[in-house]
């Protein structure tokens, strides 16, 4: 009871084993017996790169690609916003608008989210147990908490 079992790292190992098509490498607690069977089924019968369940969005390459696409679309929106502002007003007043600040923070979040997804799926970044969590994951978590609140504030202040 003192050592415990880290379910998060076991789940990450299971997903990576399925991705690498090495279902025999999956070692989970008895509580995760279903996930072990599911990983064996996916790794043995199908040659997919799919995480153990979910719609197409959670296919690993699709998930990273979707996040990258969202970042690129939002980057284009921010560029358009800058160019549109410059044609009507002086740029020195651009950063006086809360909408522009929130767009910049959202762009930062989408960039970190895309980078984090890519590194988690395609690189050999450590799983990040406790204090060894990579710094960019912590930044992504922080921004993922800030962005919805900021977006809600801008919406309420605009329509109020």
Protein backbone atom coordinates (compact mmCIF):
# COMPACT_ATOMS: atom_id res chain seq x y z
CA UNK A 1 0.00 0.00 0.00
CA UNK A 2 2.94 2.33 0.61
CA UNK A 3 4.32 2.23 -2.92
CA UNK A 4 1.01 2.38 -4.80
CA UNK A 5 0.54 2.05 -8.54
CA UNK A 6 0.82 4.96 -10.92
CA UNK A 7 -2.15 4.47 -13.26
CA UNK A 8 -1.26 7.47 -15.43
CA UNK A 9 2.19 6.17 -16.35
CA UNK A 10 0.81 2.66 -16.90
CA UNK A 11 -1.81 4.03 -19.27
CA UNK A 12 0.83 6.01 -21.17
CA UNK A 13 3.01 2.87 -21.44
CA UNK A 14 -0.01 0.91 -22.70
CA UNK A 15 -0.75 3.53 -25.35
CA UNK A 16 2.86 3.65 -26.49
CA UNK A 17 2.99 -0.15 -26.66
CA UNK A 18 -0.13 -0.22 -28.81
CA UNK A 19 1.30 2.48 -31.04
CA UNK A 20 4.55 0.57 -31.41
CA UNK A 21 2.54 -2.64 -32.00
CA UNK A 22 4.17 -4.29 -28.98
CA UNK A 23 1.15 -5.26 -26.94
CA UNK A 24 3.23 -7.81 -25.02
CA UNK A 25 5.07 -4.87 -23.39
CA UNK A 26 1.88 -3.69 -21.69
CA UNK A 27 1.94 -4.23 -17.94
CA UNK A 28 -1.04 -2.87 -16.08
CA UNK A 29 -2.59 -3.36 -12.68
CA UNK A 30 -5.39 -5.95 -12.30
CA UNK A 31 -7.82 -3.05 -12.36
CA UNK A 32 -6.76 -2.35 -15.94
CA UNK A 33 -7.26 -5.90 -17.21
CA UNK A 34 -9.74 -4.75 -19.84
CA UNK A 35 -7.24 -2.22 -21.19
CA UNK A 36 -4.61 -4.98 -21.42
CA UNK A 37 -6.95 -7.20 -23.42
CA UNK A 38 -7.93 -4.29 -25.62
CA UNK A 39 -4.25 -3.44 -26.23
CA UNK A 40 -3.49 -7.04 -27.16
CA UNK A 41 -6.44 -7.10 -29.55
CA UNK A 42 -5.41 -3.86 -31.22
CA UNK A 43 -1.74 -4.73 -31.32
CA UNK A 44 -2.23 -8.29 -32.52
CA UNK A 45 -5.21 -8.30 -34.85
CA UNK A 46 -5.01 -4.88 -36.37
CA UNK A 47 -2.01 -2.98 -37.57
CA UNK A 48 -3.39 0.39 -36.52
CA UNK A 49 -1.84 3.35 -34.76
CA UNK A 50 -4.97 3.89 -32.72
CA UNK A 51 -5.12 4.50 -29.00
CA UNK A 52 -7.25 1.84 -27.36
CA UNK A 53 -10.66 3.44 -28.07
CA UNK A 54 -12.45 6.53 -29.31
CA UNK A 55 -13.46 8.24 -32.53
CA UNK A 56 -11.10 9.10 -35.39
CA UNK A 57 -9.97 12.28 -33.67
CA UNK A 58 -8.05 10.26 -31.09
CA UNK A 59 -5.95 8.41 -33.61
CA UNK A 60 -2.53 9.64 -32.60
CA UNK A 61 -1.43 11.21 -35.89
CA UNK A 62 -4.92 12.65 -36.39
CA UNK A 63 -4.91 14.22 -32.95
CA UNK A 64 -1.51 15.87 -33.45
CA UNK A 65 -2.51 16.94 -36.95
CA UNK A 66 -5.78 18.43 -35.73
CA UNK A 67 -3.99 20.44 -33.07
CA UNK A 68 -1.46 21.67 -35.62
CA UNK A 69 -4.28 22.64 -38.02
CA UNK A 70 -6.08 24.56 -35.26
CA UNK A 71 -2.86 26.42 -34.49
CA UNK A 72 -2.29 27.31 -38.15
CA UNK A 73 -5.88 28.51 -38.65
CA UNK A 74 -5.71 30.65 -35.51
CA UNK A 75 -2.30 31.98 -36.57
CA UNK A 76 -3.85 33.07 -39.89
CA UNK A 77 -6.72 34.73 -37.99
CA UNK A 78 -4.26 36.66 -35.81
CA UNK A 79 -2.30 37.82 -38.84
CA UNK A 80 -5.52 38.94 -40.52
CA UNK A 81 -6.56 40.76 -37.33
CA UNK A 82 -3.25 42.63 -37.24
CA UNK A 83 -3.42 43.58 -40.91
CA UNK A 84 -7.04 44.65 -40.65
CA UNK A 85 -6.30 46.84 -37.63
CA UNK A 86 -3.36 48.53 -39.34
CA UNK A 87 -5.50 49.52 -42.34
CA UNK A 88 -8.00 51.34 -40.08
CA UNK A 89 -6.13 52.50 -36.98
CA UNK A 90 -2.61 53.07 -35.73
CA UNK A 91 -0.90 49.87 -34.65
CA UNK A 92 0.21 51.38 -31.33
CA UNK A 93 -3.42 51.06 -30.17
CA UNK A 94 -3.73 47.41 -31.19
CA UNK A 95 -2.74 46.09 -27.76
CA UNK A 96 -5.26 48.30 -25.94
CA UNK A 97 -8.03 45.82 -26.81
CA UNK A 98 -8.67 42.85 -24.51
CA UNK A 99 -9.80 40.87 -27.56
CA UNK A 100 -6.33 41.13 -29.10
CA UNK A 101 -4.64 40.12 -25.86
CA UNK A 102 -6.89 37.08 -25.55
CA UNK A 103 -6.26 36.16 -29.20
CA UNK A 104 -2.50 36.26 -28.52
CA UNK A 105 -2.85 34.07 -25.40
CA UNK A 106 -5.03 31.61 -27.35
CA UNK A 107 -2.42 31.50 -30.12
CA UNK A 108 0.24 30.76 -27.52
CA UNK A 109 -1.92 27.97 -26.07
CA UNK A 110 -2.65 26.42 -29.48
CA UNK A 111 1.07 26.50 -30.28
CA UNK A 112 2.06 24.83 -27.03
CA UNK A 113 -0.76 22.28 -27.35
CA UNK A 114 0.34 21.32 -30.87
CA UNK A 115 3.99 21.11 -29.79
CA UNK A 116 3.14 19.05 -26.70
CA UNK A 117 1.00 16.63 -28.70
CA UNK A 118 3.68 16.22 -31.34
CA UNK A 119 6.44 15.62 -28.79
CA UNK A 120 4.30 13.19 -26.76
CA UNK A 121 3.45 11.11 -29.82
CA UNK A 122 6.52 11.27 -32.04
CA UNK A 123 9.49 11.81 -29.72
CA UNK A 124 11.08 10.01 -26.83
CA UNK A 125 10.16 12.62 -24.22
CA UNK A 126 9.89 11.00 -20.77
CA UNK A 127 6.40 10.29 -19.41
CA UNK A 128 6.78 13.01 -16.82
CA UNK A 129 6.13 11.42 -13.46
CA UNK A 130 5.76 14.04 -10.75
CA UNK A 131 8.65 16.51 -10.74
CA UNK A 132 10.00 15.22 -14.06
CA UNK A 133 7.06 16.63 -16.01
CA UNK A 134 8.49 18.55 -18.99
CA UNK A 135 8.23 22.33 -18.67
CA UNK A 136 6.24 22.73 -21.89
CA UNK A 137 3.54 20.38 -20.56
CA UNK A 138 3.17 22.55 -17.46
CA UNK A 139 2.88 25.66 -19.63
CA UNK A 140 0.22 23.94 -21.76
CA UNK A 141 -1.74 22.96 -18.65
CA UNK A 142 -1.56 26.51 -17.32
CA UNK A 143 -2.70 28.03 -20.62
CA UNK A 144 -5.49 25.46 -20.96
CA UNK A 145 -6.91 26.76 -17.69
CA UNK A 146 -6.53 30.43 -18.63
CA UNK A 147 -7.89 30.37 -22.20
CA UNK A 148 -11.53 29.36 -21.48
CA UNK A 149 -11.84 31.96 -18.71
CA UNK A 150 -10.31 34.66 -20.88
CA UNK A 151 -12.56 33.78 -23.82
CA UNK A 152 -15.62 33.82 -21.59
CA UNK A 153 -14.61 37.22 -20.16
CA UNK A 154 -14.18 38.73 -23.62
CA UNK A 155 -17.55 37.37 -24.73
CA UNK A 156 -19.38 38.67 -21.66
CA UNK A 157 -17.68 42.07 -21.74
CA UNK A 158 -18.36 42.46 -25.45
CA UNK A 159 -22.07 41.57 -25.28
CA UNK A 160 -22.81 43.15 -21.89
